[in-house]
Amino acid sequence: MENIFRFHSLTEFHTFCGLPKPEHPLISLIDYSKVNYPLNDIELKWIQHFYSIGLKRNVNARFNYGQQQYDFDSGVLCFVSPDQFLRLEVNPEAQVEPTGWLLLIHPDFLWHTDLATKINGYEFFKYAVNEALFLSDKEEQTVVDILQNIEKEYQSNVDKFSQDLIIKQVERLLIYAERFYERQFITRKKSTQELVVRFEQLLSQHFTTEKLGEHGIPTVTTIAAQLNISANYLGSLLRIYTQQNTQQHIQNKVIDYAKTRLSTTALSVSEIAYELGFEHSQSFSKMFKAKTSQSPLEFREAFN
């Protein structure tokens, strides 16, 4: 049976990494140079029930997130949310000295704070590792300063202000991450624009009569998988460059396809809805009117 570790607490993870118990049970900053993964298994697999934000450099392991793989030979920032599957391929013969920081936050620490809800809106917690955030030296120092401020606060005498002060620092970190990701999209303009163009090409290919009949309307996940990126990363990229998310692009293609069929064929609205995979033509008509301010029949009559 496959050996998958499950870490419900920060203490369990500290023990796994060969570290002393965390100073705070619900939040901890780990110095990555002190991490010693157990080497009786070259490949380590686990599911953790807490958030982690990692700033890692020269890690002597290959880190797999989902189906993606990345070597941490330069400083990058990556985000993992609770209950995600992770896999490490440890290289015990690596000659590099791993450095960096790993911030662990148990969901219980966020209880009764606005961040408990807001944190789920940060899409980079759902990115794949090959979509990690590459930091400039200046950006990296900003992140390190915030992480160390968090550590200083939970190491000091805990009082009624401690949680609020730490939460504010975590929020600062997440806001900076959003800024730095947007910078990364822009500075990698050529590669990201190529992705947008490829996305449009794939979407157009899906919206042929043959493809629709065989596969139906493509999902966000389907398109992202064909581009070898995560659905959330694709959505963020499209919002930066087109001001629309992936689902909006797909819906626009649905409307374009429907307009073409309404204006060039004698197919009924029900037949066109069926081609597009709608179980009920009323659902198609409602979507069409929401997007065009006309019913499908009104559009056909106006076009003719």
C-alpha atoms as a PDB file:
ATOM      1  CA  MET A   1       0.000   0.000   0.000  1.00  0.00           C
ATOM      2  CA  GLU A   2       1.277   3.452  -0.914  1.00  0.00           C
ATOM      3  CA  ASN A   3       2.749   5.253   2.098  1.00  0.00           C
ATOM      4  CA  ILE A   4       1.227   8.735   2.296  1.00  0.00           C
ATOM      5  CA  PHE A   5       1.895  10.818   5.379  1.00  0.00           C
ATOM      6  CA  ARG A   6      -0.890  12.967   6.798  1.00  0.00           C
ATOM      7  CA  PHE A   7      -0.050  15.972   8.939  1.00  0.00           C
ATOM      8  CA  HIS A   8      -2.935  17.298  10.982  1.00  0.00           C
ATOM      9  CA  SER A   9      -0.845  19.534  13.207  1.00  0.00           C
ATOM     10  CA  LEU A  10       2.222  21.712  12.863  1.00  0.00           C
ATOM     11  CA  THR A  11       3.904  19.629  15.557  1.00  0.00           C
ATOM     12  CA  GLU A  12       3.569  16.488  13.431  1.00  0.00           C
ATOM     13  CA  PHE A  13       5.179  18.246  10.484  1.00  0.00           C
ATOM     14  CA  HIS A  14       8.013  19.638  12.627  1.00  0.00           C
ATOM     15  CA  THR A  15       8.751  16.122  13.872  1.00  0.00           C
ATOM     16  CA  PHE A  16       8.714  14.795  10.296  1.00  0.00           C
ATOM     17  CA  CYS A  17      11.284  17.459   9.338  1.00  0.00           C
ATOM     18  CA  GLY A  18      13.539  16.634  12.292  1.00  0.00           C
ATOM     19  CA  LEU A  19      12.772  19.926  14.040  1.00  0.00           C
ATOM     20  CA  PRO A  20      11.876  20.818  17.652  1.00  0.00           C
ATOM     21  CA  LYS A  21       8.222  21.398  18.507  1.00  0.00           C
ATOM     22  CA  PRO A  22       6.874  24.693  17.145  1.00  0.00           C
ATOM     23  CA  GLU A  23       6.923  27.632  19.547  1.00  0.00           C
ATOM     24  CA  HIS A  24       3.273  28.348  18.678  1.00  0.00           C
ATOM     25  CA  PRO A  25       0.889  25.437  17.978  1.00  0.00           C
ATOM     26  CA  LEU A  26      -0.911  27.149  15.096  1.00  0.00           C
ATOM     27  CA  ILE A  27       1.726  29.228  13.287  1.00  0.00           C
ATOM     28  CA  SER A  28       5.400  28.569  12.684  1.00  0.00           C
ATOM     29  CA  LEU A  29       8.257  29.868  10.570  1.00  0.00           C
ATOM     30  CA  ILE A  30      10.757  27.150   9.623  1.00  0.00           C
ATOM     31  CA  ASP A  31      14.343  27.867   8.583  1.00  0.00           C
ATOM     32  CA  TYR A  32      14.696  25.573   5.571  1.00  0.00           C
ATOM     33  CA  SER A  33      18.411  25.049   6.144  1.00  0.00           C
ATOM     34  CA  LYS A  34      17.486  23.115   9.318  1.00  0.00           C
ATOM     35  CA  VAL A  35      14.994  20.756   7.664  1.00  0.00           C
ATOM     36  CA  ASN A  36      16.038  17.090   7.582  1.00  0.00           C
ATOM     37  CA  TYR A  37      13.523  14.950   5.736  1.00  0.00           C
ATOM     38  CA  PRO A  38      13.672  11.235   6.634  1.00  0.00           C
ATOM     39  CA  LEU A  39      15.858   9.588   4.020  1.00  0.00           C
ATOM     40  CA  ASN A  40      14.680   6.001   4.405  1.00  0.00           C
ATOM     41  CA  ASP A  41      12.319   6.910   1.544  1.00  0.00           C
ATOM     42  CA  ILE A  42      13.706   8.682  -1.499  1.00  0.00           C
ATOM     43  CA  GLU A  43      10.181   9.679  -2.490  1.00  0.00           C
ATOM     44  CA  LEU A  44       8.004  11.314   0.163  1.00  0.00           C
ATOM     45  CA  LYS A  45       4.271  11.847  -0.230  1.00  0.00           C
ATOM     46  CA  TRP A  46       2.007  13.709   2.094  1.00  0.00           C
ATOM     47  CA  ILE A  47      -1.199  15.642   2.666  1.00  0.00           C
ATOM     48  CA  GLN A  48      -1.066  18.527   5.112  1.00  0.00           C
ATOM     49  CA  HIS A  49      -4.078  20.048   6.842  1.00  0.00           C
ATOM     50  CA  PHE A  50      -2.700  23.580   7.025  1.00  0.00           C
ATOM     51  CA  TYR A  51      -1.508  26.387   4.762  1.00  0.00           C
ATOM     52  CA  SER A  52       2.140  26.774   3.848  1.00  0.00           C
ATOM     53  CA  ILE A  53       4.007  29.590   2.131  1.00  0.00           C
ATOM     54  CA  GLY A  54       7.491  28.624   1.070  1.00  0.00           C
ATOM     55  CA  LEU A  55      10.411  30.794   0.023  1.00  0.00           C
ATOM     56  CA  LYS A  56      12.960  28.199  -1.014  1.00  0.00           C
ATOM     57  CA  ARG A  57      16.358  28.147  -2.658  1.00  0.00           C
ATOM     58  CA  ASN A  58      18.717  25.248  -3.469  1.00  0.00           C
ATOM     59  CA  VAL A  59      16.451  22.620  -1.938  1.00  0.00           C
ATOM     60  CA  ASN A  60      17.950  19.105  -2.197  1.00  0.00           C
ATOM     61  CA  ALA A  61      14.669  17.659  -3.379  1.00  0.00           C
ATOM     62  CA  ARG A  62      12.442  17.742  -6.415  1.00  0.00           C
ATOM     63  CA  PHE A  63       9.050  19.030  -5.431  1.00  0.00           C
ATOM     64  CA  ASN A  64       5.949  17.728  -7.192  1.00  0.00           C
ATOM     65  CA  TYR A  65       2.577  19.393  -6.918  1.00  0.00           C
ATOM     66  CA  GLY A  66      -0.201  17.527  -8.717  1.00  0.00           C
ATOM     67  CA  GLN A  67       1.222  16.529 -12.078  1.00  0.00           C
ATOM     68  CA  GLN A  68       3.795  19.319 -12.210  1.00  0.00           C
ATOM     69  CA  GLN A  69       7.437  19.257 -11.182  1.00  0.00           C
ATOM     70  CA  TYR A  70       9.943  21.927 -10.260  1.00  0.00           C
ATOM     71  CA  ASP A  71      13.558  22.080  -9.081  1.00  0.00           C
ATOM     72  CA  PHE A  72      14.160  24.802  -6.500  1.00  0.00           C
ATOM     73  CA  ASP A  73      17.573  25.903  -7.729  1.00  0.00           C
ATOM     74  CA  SER A  74      16.628  29.580  -7.482  1.00  0.00           C
ATOM     75  CA  GLY A  75      14.542  31.580  -5.049  1.00  0.00           C
ATOM     76  CA  VAL A  76      10.825  31.147  -5.602  1.00  0.00           C
ATOM     77  CA  LEU A  77       7.697  31.623  -3.544  1.00  0.00           C
ATOM     78  CA  CYS A  78       4.979  28.977  -3.611  1.00  0.00           C
ATOM     79  CA  PHE A  79       1.690  28.528  -1.791  1.00  0.00           C
ATOM     80  CA  VAL A  80      -0.070  25.363  -0.632  1.00  0.00           C
ATOM     81  CA  SER A  81      -3.561  25.205   0.860  1.00  0.00           C
ATOM     82  CA  PRO A  82      -4.861  22.507   3.225  1.00  0.00           C
ATOM     83  CA  ASP A  83      -5.586  18.983   1.987  1.00  0.00           C
ATOM     84  CA  GLN A  84      -3.490  19.194  -1.174  1.00  0.00           C
ATOM     85  CA  PHE A  85      -1.368  16.225  -2.220  1.00  0.00           C
ATOM     86  CA  LEU A  86       2.386  16.843  -2.278  1.00  0.00           C
ATOM     87  CA  ARG A  87       5.317  14.717  -3.325  1.00  0.00           C
ATOM     88  CA  LEU A  88       9.066  15.188  -2.822  1.00  0.00           C
ATOM     89  CA  GLU A  89      11.819  13.249  -4.538  1.00  0.00           C
ATOM     90  CA  VAL A  90      14.727  13.619  -2.129  1.00  0.00           C
ATOM     91  CA  ASN A  91      18.270  13.702  -3.495  1.00  0.00           C
ATOM     92  CA  PRO A  92      20.530  12.683  -0.565  1.00  0.00           C
ATOM     93  CA  GLU A  93      23.666  13.173  -2.696  1.00  0.00           C
ATOM     94  CA  ALA A  94      22.946  16.804  -3.539  1.00  0.00           C
ATOM     95  CA  GLN A  95      25.902  19.065  -2.767  1.00  0.00           C
ATOM     96  CA  VAL A  96      23.909  22.285  -2.353  1.00  0.00           C
ATOM     97  CA  GLU A  97      22.946  23.809   0.971  1.00  0.00           C
ATOM     98  CA  PRO A  98      19.182  24.381   1.021  1.00  0.00           C
ATOM     99  CA  THR A  99      18.063  27.763   2.280  1.00  0.00           C
ATOM    100  CA  GLY A 100      14.819  29.645   2.640  1.00  0.00           C
ATOM    101  CA  TRP A 101      11.764  29.859   4.846  1.00  0.00           C
ATOM    102  CA  LEU A 102       8.543  27.935   5.243  1.00  0.00           C
ATOM    103  CA  LEU A 103       5.589  29.600   6.961  1.00  0.00           C
ATOM    104  CA  LEU A 104       2.958  27.185   8.304  1.00  0.00           C
ATOM    105  CA  ILE A 105      -0.500  28.462   9.254  1.00  0.00           C
ATOM    106  CA  HIS A 106      -3.133  26.173  10.723  1.00  0.00           C
ATOM    107  CA  PRO A 107      -6.708  27.141   9.690  1.00  0.00           C
ATOM    108  CA  ASP A 108      -7.638  27.359  13.378  1.00  0.00           C
ATOM    109  CA  PHE A 109      -5.339  30.364  13.701  1.00  0.00           C
ATOM    110  CA  LEU A 110      -7.582  32.261  11.269  1.00  0.00           C
ATOM    111  CA  TRP A 111     -10.837  31.602  13.131  1.00  0.00           C
ATOM    112  CA  HIS A 112     -12.916  34.693  13.862  1.00  0.00           C
ATOM    113  CA  THR A 113     -10.844  36.835  11.472  1.00  0.00           C
ATOM    114  CA  ASP A 114     -11.719  38.252   8.047  1.00  0.00           C
ATOM    115  CA  LEU A 115      -8.744  36.392   6.591  1.00  0.00           C
ATOM    116  CA  ALA A 116     -10.422  33.046   7.316  1.00  0.00           C
ATOM    117  CA  THR A 117     -12.721  33.768   4.363  1.00  0.00           C
ATOM    118  CA  LYS A 118     -10.512  36.066   2.305  1.00  0.00           C
ATOM    119  CA  ILE A 119      -7.621  33.620   2.085  1.00  0.00           C
ATOM    120  CA  ASN A 120      -9.659  31.343  -0.202  1.00  0.00           C
ATOM    121  CA  GLY A 121      -9.858  34.191  -2.714  1.00  0.00           C
ATOM    122  CA  TYR A 122      -6.102  34.190  -3.294  1.00  0.00           C
ATOM    123  CA  GLU A 123      -5.876  31.974  -6.349  1.00  0.00           C
ATOM    124  CA  PHE A 124      -2.123  31.388  -6.112  1.00  0.00           C
ATOM    125  CA  PHE A 125      -2.821  28.869  -3.342  1.00  0.00           C
ATOM    126  CA  LYS A 126      -4.203  26.711  -6.168  1.00  0.00           C
ATOM    127  CA  TYR A 127      -1.393  27.242  -8.665  1.00  0.00           C
ATOM    128  CA  ALA A 128       0.896  24.422  -9.683  1.00  0.00           C
ATOM    129  CA  VAL A 129       4.553  24.491  -8.711  1.00  0.00           C
ATOM    130  CA  ASN A 130       5.774  25.323 -12.191  1.00  0.00           C
ATOM    131  CA  GLU A 131       3.700  28.473 -11.782  1.00  0.00           C
ATOM    132  CA  ALA A 132       5.571  29.516  -8.652  1.00  0.00           C
ATOM    133  CA  LEU A 133       6.463  33.159  -8.103  1.00  0.00           C
ATOM    134  CA  PHE A 134      10.015  34.105  -9.044  1.00  0.00           C
ATOM    135  CA  LEU A 135      11.219  36.985  -6.899  1.00  0.00           C
ATOM    136  CA  SER A 136      13.754  39.702  -7.543  1.00  0.00           C
ATOM    137  CA  ASP A 137      16.302  40.283  -4.771  1.00  0.00           C
ATOM    138  CA  LYS A 138      14.359  43.336  -3.589  1.00  0.00           C
ATOM    139  CA  GLU A 139      11.047  41.437  -3.593  1.00  0.00           C
ATOM    140  CA  GLU A 140      12.625  38.531  -1.760  1.00  0.00           C
ATOM    141  CA  GLN A 141      13.895  40.853   0.972  1.00  0.00           C
ATOM    142  CA  THR A 142      10.394  42.299   1.378  1.00  0.00           C
ATOM    143  CA  VAL A 143       9.002  38.794   1.870  1.00  0.00           C
ATOM    144  CA  VAL A 144      11.752  37.794   4.316  1.00  0.00           C
ATOM    145  CA  ASP A 145      11.178  40.941   6.393  1.00  0.00           C
ATOM    146  CA  ILE A 146       7.461  40.138   6.729  1.00  0.00           C
ATOM    147  CA  LEU A 147       8.145  36.495   7.608  1.00  0.00           C
ATOM    148  CA  GLN A 148      10.616  37.498  10.294  1.00  0.00           C
ATOM    149  CA  ASN A 149       8.166  40.060  11.698  1.00  0.00           C
ATOM    150  CA  ILE A 150       5.626  37.237  12.053  1.00  0.00           C
ATOM    151  CA  GLU A 151       8.192  35.089  13.845  1.00  0.00           C
ATOM    152  CA  LYS A 152       9.167  37.881  16.239  1.00  0.00           C
ATOM    153  CA  GLU A 153       5.539  38.460  17.141  1.00  0.00           C
ATOM    154  CA  TYR A 154       4.675  34.871  18.036  1.00  0.00           C
ATOM    155  CA  GLN A 155       8.003  34.493  19.872  1.00  0.00           C
ATOM    156  CA  SER A 156       7.211  37.469  22.110  1.00  0.00           C
ATOM    157  CA  ASN A 157       4.804  37.308  25.015  1.00  0.00           C
ATOM    158  CA  VAL A 158       1.415  36.408  23.553  1.00  0.00           C
ATOM    159  CA  ASP A 159      -1.331  38.891  24.460  1.00  0.00           C
ATOM    160  CA  LYS A 160      -4.709  39.974  23.087  1.00  0.00           C
ATOM    161  CA  PHE A 161      -2.992  41.914  20.277  1.00  0.00           C
ATOM    162  CA  SER A 162      -0.758  39.100  19.043  1.00  0.00           C
ATOM    163  CA  GLN A 163      -3.175  37.384  16.668  1.00  0.00           C
ATOM    164  CA  ASP A 164      -4.308  40.652  15.060  1.00  0.00           C
ATOM    165  CA  LEU A 165      -0.729  41.796  14.513  1.00  0.00           C
ATOM    166  CA  ILE A 166       0.270  38.466  12.952  1.00  0.00           C
ATOM    167  CA  ILE A 167      -2.857  38.380  10.766  1.00  0.00           C
ATOM    168  CA  LYS A 168      -2.020  41.874   9.493  1.00  0.00           C
ATOM    169  CA  GLN A 169       1.467  40.688   8.530  1.00  0.00           C
ATOM    170  CA  VAL A 170       0.075  37.619   6.731  1.00  0.00           C
ATOM    171  CA  GLU A 171      -2.347  39.873   4.830  1.00  0.00           C
ATOM    172  CA  ARG A 172       0.565  42.133   3.855  1.00  0.00           C
ATOM    173  CA  LEU A 173       2.436  39.111   2.556  1.00  0.00           C
ATOM    174  CA  LEU A 174      -0.525  37.969   0.441  1.00  0.00           C
ATOM    175  CA  ILE A 175      -1.087  41.453  -0.991  1.00  0.00           C
ATOM    176  CA  TYR A 176       2.596  41.709  -1.937  1.00  0.00           C
ATOM    177  CA  ALA A 177       2.337  38.247  -3.534  1.00  0.00           C
ATOM    178  CA  GLU A 178      -0.551  39.492  -5.705  1.00  0.00           C
ATOM    179  CA  ARG A 179       1.535  42.495  -6.745  1.00  0.00           C
ATOM    180  CA  PHE A 180       4.588  40.361  -7.517  1.00  0.00           C
ATOM    181  CA  TYR A 181       2.533  37.832  -9.513  1.00  0.00           C
ATOM    182  CA  GLU A 182       1.093  40.615 -11.620  1.00  0.00           C
ATOM    183  CA  ARG A 183       4.628  41.899 -12.191  1.00  0.00           C
ATOM    184  CA  GLN A 184       5.655  38.383 -13.251  1.00  0.00           C
ATOM    185  CA  PHE A 185       2.814  38.176 -15.779  1.00  0.00           C
ATOM    186  CA  ILE A 186       3.944  41.493 -17.247  1.00  0.00           C
ATOM    187  CA  THR A 187       7.711  40.881 -17.256  1.00  0.00           C
ATOM    188  CA  ARG A 188       7.172  37.501 -18.899  1.00  0.00           C
ATOM    189  CA  LYS A 189       5.077  39.231 -21.512  1.00  0.00           C
ATOM    190  CA  LYS A 190       6.179  37.158 -24.489  1.00  0.00           C
ATOM    191  CA  SER A 191       5.535  33.765 -22.898  1.00  0.00           C
ATOM    192  CA  THR A 192       2.253  34.847 -21.320  1.00  0.00           C
ATOM    193  CA  GLN A 193       0.980  36.421 -24.531  1.00  0.00           C
ATOM    194  CA  GLU A 194       1.854  33.217 -26.352  1.00  0.00           C
ATOM    195  CA  LEU A 195      -0.259  31.337 -23.798  1.00  0.00           C
ATOM    196  CA  VAL A 196      -3.184  33.686 -24.397  1.00  0.00           C
ATOM    197  CA  VAL A 197      -2.907  33.181 -28.161  1.00  0.00           C
ATOM    198  CA  ARG A 198      -2.677  29.405 -27.711  1.00  0.00           C
ATOM    199  CA  PHE A 199      -5.701  29.506 -25.409  1.00  0.00           C
ATOM    200  CA  GLU A 200      -7.751  31.327 -28.051  1.00  0.00           C
ATOM    201  CA  GLN A 201      -6.666  28.822 -30.700  1.00  0.00           C
ATOM    202  CA  LEU A 202      -7.615  25.830 -28.539  1.00  0.00           C
ATOM    203  CA  LEU A 203     -10.947  27.375 -27.653  1.00  0.00           C
ATOM    204  CA  SER A 204     -11.771  28.018 -31.299  1.00  0.00           C
ATOM    205  CA  GLN A 205     -10.856  24.440 -32.171  1.00  0.00           C
ATOM    206  CA  HIS A 206     -13.295  23.158 -29.553  1.00  0.00           C
ATOM    207  CA  PHE A 207     -16.137  25.199 -31.022  1.00  0.00           C
ATOM    208  CA  THR A 208     -16.606  23.299 -34.250  1.00  0.00           C
ATOM    209  CA  THR A 209     -19.733  21.259 -34.872  1.00  0.00           C
ATOM    210  CA  GLU A 210     -17.714  18.042 -34.845  1.00  0.00           C
ATOM    211  CA  LYS A 211     -15.887  18.784 -31.607  1.00  0.00           C
ATOM    212  CA  LEU A 212     -19.006  19.964 -29.823  1.00  0.00           C
ATOM    213  CA  GLY A 213     -20.893  16.878 -30.880  1.00  0.00           C
ATOM    214  CA  GLU A 214     -18.124  14.645 -29.574  1.00  0.00           C
ATOM    215  CA  HIS A 215     -17.014  16.445 -26.402  1.00  0.00           C
ATOM    216  CA  GLY A 216     -19.502  19.218 -25.656  1.00  0.00           C
ATOM    217  CA  ILE A 217     -18.541  22.665 -24.400  1.00  0.00           C
ATOM    218  CA  PRO A 218     -14.972  22.543 -23.020  1.00  0.00           C
ATOM    219  CA  THR A 219     -14.499  23.146 -19.322  1.00  0.00           C
ATOM    220  CA  VAL A 220     -11.994  25.529 -17.789  1.00  0.00           C
ATOM    221  CA  THR A 221     -10.074  22.531 -16.442  1.00  0.00           C
ATOM    222  CA  THR A 222      -9.947  20.880 -19.876  1.00  0.00           C
ATOM    223  CA  ILE A 223      -8.492  23.947 -21.571  1.00  0.00           C
ATOM    224  CA  ALA A 224      -5.978  24.554 -18.781  1.00  0.00           C
ATOM    225  CA  ALA A 225      -4.808  20.934 -18.909  1.00  0.00           C
ATOM    226  CA  GLN A 226      -4.190  21.221 -22.654  1.00  0.00           C
ATOM    227  CA  LEU A 227      -2.026  24.270 -21.928  1.00  0.00           C
ATOM    228  CA  ASN A 228      -0.214  22.377 -19.127  1.00  0.00           C
ATOM    229  CA  ILE A 229      -1.087  24.996 -16.524  1.00  0.00           C
ATOM    230  CA  SER A 230      -3.552  25.081 -13.648  1.00  0.00           C
ATOM    231  CA  ALA A 231      -7.062  26.454 -14.121  1.00  0.00           C
ATOM    232  CA  ASN A 232      -6.461  29.177 -11.548  1.00  0.00           C
ATOM    233  CA  TYR A 233      -3.229  30.326 -13.168  1.00  0.00           C
ATOM    234  CA  LEU A 234      -4.967  30.507 -16.543  1.00  0.00           C
ATOM    235  CA  GLY A 235      -7.784  32.550 -15.020  1.00  0.00           C
ATOM    236  CA  SER A 236      -5.358  35.024 -13.446  1.00  0.00           C
ATOM    237  CA  LEU A 237      -3.391  35.367 -16.664  1.00  0.00           C
ATOM    238  CA  LEU A 238      -6.510  36.036 -18.738  1.00  0.00           C
ATOM    239  CA  ARG A 239      -7.791  38.626 -16.275  1.00  0.00           C
ATOM    240  CA  ILE A 240      -4.495  40.529 -16.524  1.00  0.00           C
ATOM    241  CA  TYR A 241      -4.461  40.524 -20.330  1.00  0.00           C
ATOM    242  CA  THR A 242      -8.125  40.471 -21.306  1.00  0.00           C
ATOM    243  CA  GLN A 243     -10.051  41.651 -18.204  1.00  0.00           C
ATOM    244  CA  GLN A 244     -12.152  38.483 -18.438  1.00  0.00           C
ATOM    245  CA  ASN A 245     -11.784  35.109 -16.754  1.00  0.00           C
ATOM    246  CA  THR A 246     -11.693  31.735 -18.516  1.00  0.00           C
ATOM    247  CA  GLN A 247     -15.395  30.994 -18.040  1.00  0.00           C
ATOM    248  CA  GLN A 248     -16.342  34.341 -19.590  1.00  0.00           C
ATOM    249  CA  HIS A 249     -14.222  33.530 -22.641  1.00  0.00           C
ATOM    250  CA  ILE A 250     -15.937  30.160 -22.996  1.00  0.00           C
ATOM    251  CA  GLN A 251     -19.381  31.754 -22.666  1.00  0.00           C
ATOM    252  CA  ASN A 252     -18.465  34.324 -25.314  1.00  0.00           C
ATOM    253  CA  LYS A 253     -17.558  31.472 -27.664  1.00  0.00           C
ATOM    254  CA  VAL A 254     -20.892  29.812 -26.913  1.00  0.00           C
ATOM    255  CA  ILE A 255     -22.691  33.006 -27.932  1.00  0.00           C
ATOM    256  CA  ASP A 256     -20.562  33.453 -31.075  1.00  0.00           C
ATOM    257  CA  TYR A 257     -21.259  29.871 -32.113  1.00  0.00           C
ATOM    258  CA  ALA A 258     -24.979  30.287 -31.450  1.00  0.00           C
ATOM    259  CA  LYS A 259     -25.119  33.528 -33.458  1.00  0.00           C
ATOM    260  CA  THR A 260     -23.468  31.807 -36.398  1.00  0.00           C
ATOM    261  CA  ARG A 261     -25.924  28.900 -36.290  1.00  0.00           C
ATOM    262  CA  LEU A 262     -28.929  31.207 -35.859  1.00  0.00           C
ATOM    263  CA  SER A 263     -27.906  33.377 -38.780  1.00  0.00           C
ATOM    264  CA  THR A 264     -26.693  30.737 -41.256  1.00  0.00           C
ATOM    265  CA  THR A 265     -28.920  27.706 -40.643  1.00  0.00           C
ATOM    266  CA  ALA A 266     -32.586  26.876 -40.251  1.00  0.00           C
ATOM    267  CA  LEU A 267     -31.940  24.902 -37.054  1.00  0.00           C
ATOM    268  CA  SER A 268     -34.403  25.520 -34.253  1.00  0.00           C
ATOM    269  CA  VAL A 269     -33.308  27.098 -30.974  1.00  0.00           C
ATOM    270  CA  SER A 270     -33.724  23.702 -29.309  1.00  0.00           C
ATOM    271  CA  GLU A 271     -31.468  22.034 -31.888  1.00  0.00           C
ATOM    272  CA  ILE A 272     -28.769  24.660 -31.442  1.00  0.00           C
ATOM    273  CA  ALA A 273     -29.035  24.360 -27.674  1.00  0.00           C
ATOM    274  CA  TYR A 274     -28.654  20.585 -28.019  1.00  0.00           C
ATOM    275  CA  GLU A 275     -25.545  21.030 -30.191  1.00  0.00           C
ATOM    276  CA  LEU A 276     -24.046  23.156 -27.423  1.00  0.00           C
ATOM    277  CA  GLY A 277     -24.791  20.527 -24.821  1.00  0.00           C
ATOM    278  CA  PHE A 278     -27.636  22.281 -23.011  1.00  0.00           C
ATOM    279  CA  GLU A 279     -30.062  19.838 -21.452  1.00  0.00           C
ATOM    280  CA  HIS A 280     -32.865  22.413 -21.611  1.00  0.00           C
ATOM    281  CA  SER A 281     -33.223  24.997 -24.358  1.00  0.00           C
ATOM    282  CA  GLN A 282     -34.607  27.456 -21.772  1.00  0.00           C
ATOM    283  CA  SER A 283     -31.197  27.528 -20.068  1.00  0.00           C
ATOM    284  CA  PHE A 284     -29.530  28.325 -23.380  1.00  0.00           C
ATOM    285  CA  SER A 285     -32.075  31.046 -24.195  1.00  0.00           C
ATOM    286  CA  LYS A 286     -31.633  32.620 -20.752  1.00  0.00           C
ATOM    287  CA  MET A 287     -27.852  32.727 -21.147  1.00  0.00           C
ATOM    288  CA  PHE A 288     -28.125  34.097 -24.696  1.00  0.00           C
ATOM    289  CA  LYS A 289     -30.421  36.913 -23.599  1.00  0.00           C
ATOM    290  CA  ALA A 290     -28.223  37.764 -20.619  1.00  0.00           C
ATOM    291  CA  LYS A 291     -25.265  38.172 -22.957  1.00  0.00           C
ATOM    292  CA  THR A 292     -26.968  39.889 -25.917  1.00  0.00           C
ATOM    293  CA  SER A 293     -30.154  41.506 -24.488  1.00  0.00           C
ATOM    294  CA  GLN A 294     -32.075  39.536 -27.129  1.00  0.00           C
ATOM    295  CA  SER A 295     -33.651  36.100 -27.169  1.00  0.00           C
ATOM    296  CA  PRO A 296     -32.272  33.718 -29.825  1.00  0.00           C
ATOM    297  CA  LEU A 297     -35.432  34.208 -31.942  1.00  0.00           C
ATOM    298  CA  GLU A 298     -35.230  37.990 -31.619  1.00  0.00           C
ATOM    299  CA  PHE A 299     -31.621  37.851 -32.784  1.00  0.00           C
ATOM    300  CA  ARG A 300     -32.558  35.667 -35.768  1.00  0.00           C
ATOM    301  CA  GLU A 301     -35.412  37.956 -36.769  1.00  0.00           C
ATOM    302  CA  ALA A 302     -33.278  41.080 -36.412  1.00  0.00           C
ATOM    303  CA  PHE A 303     -30.452  39.496 -38.420  1.00  0.00           C
ATOM    304  CA  ASN A 304     -32.756  38.414 -41.197  1.00  0.00           C
END
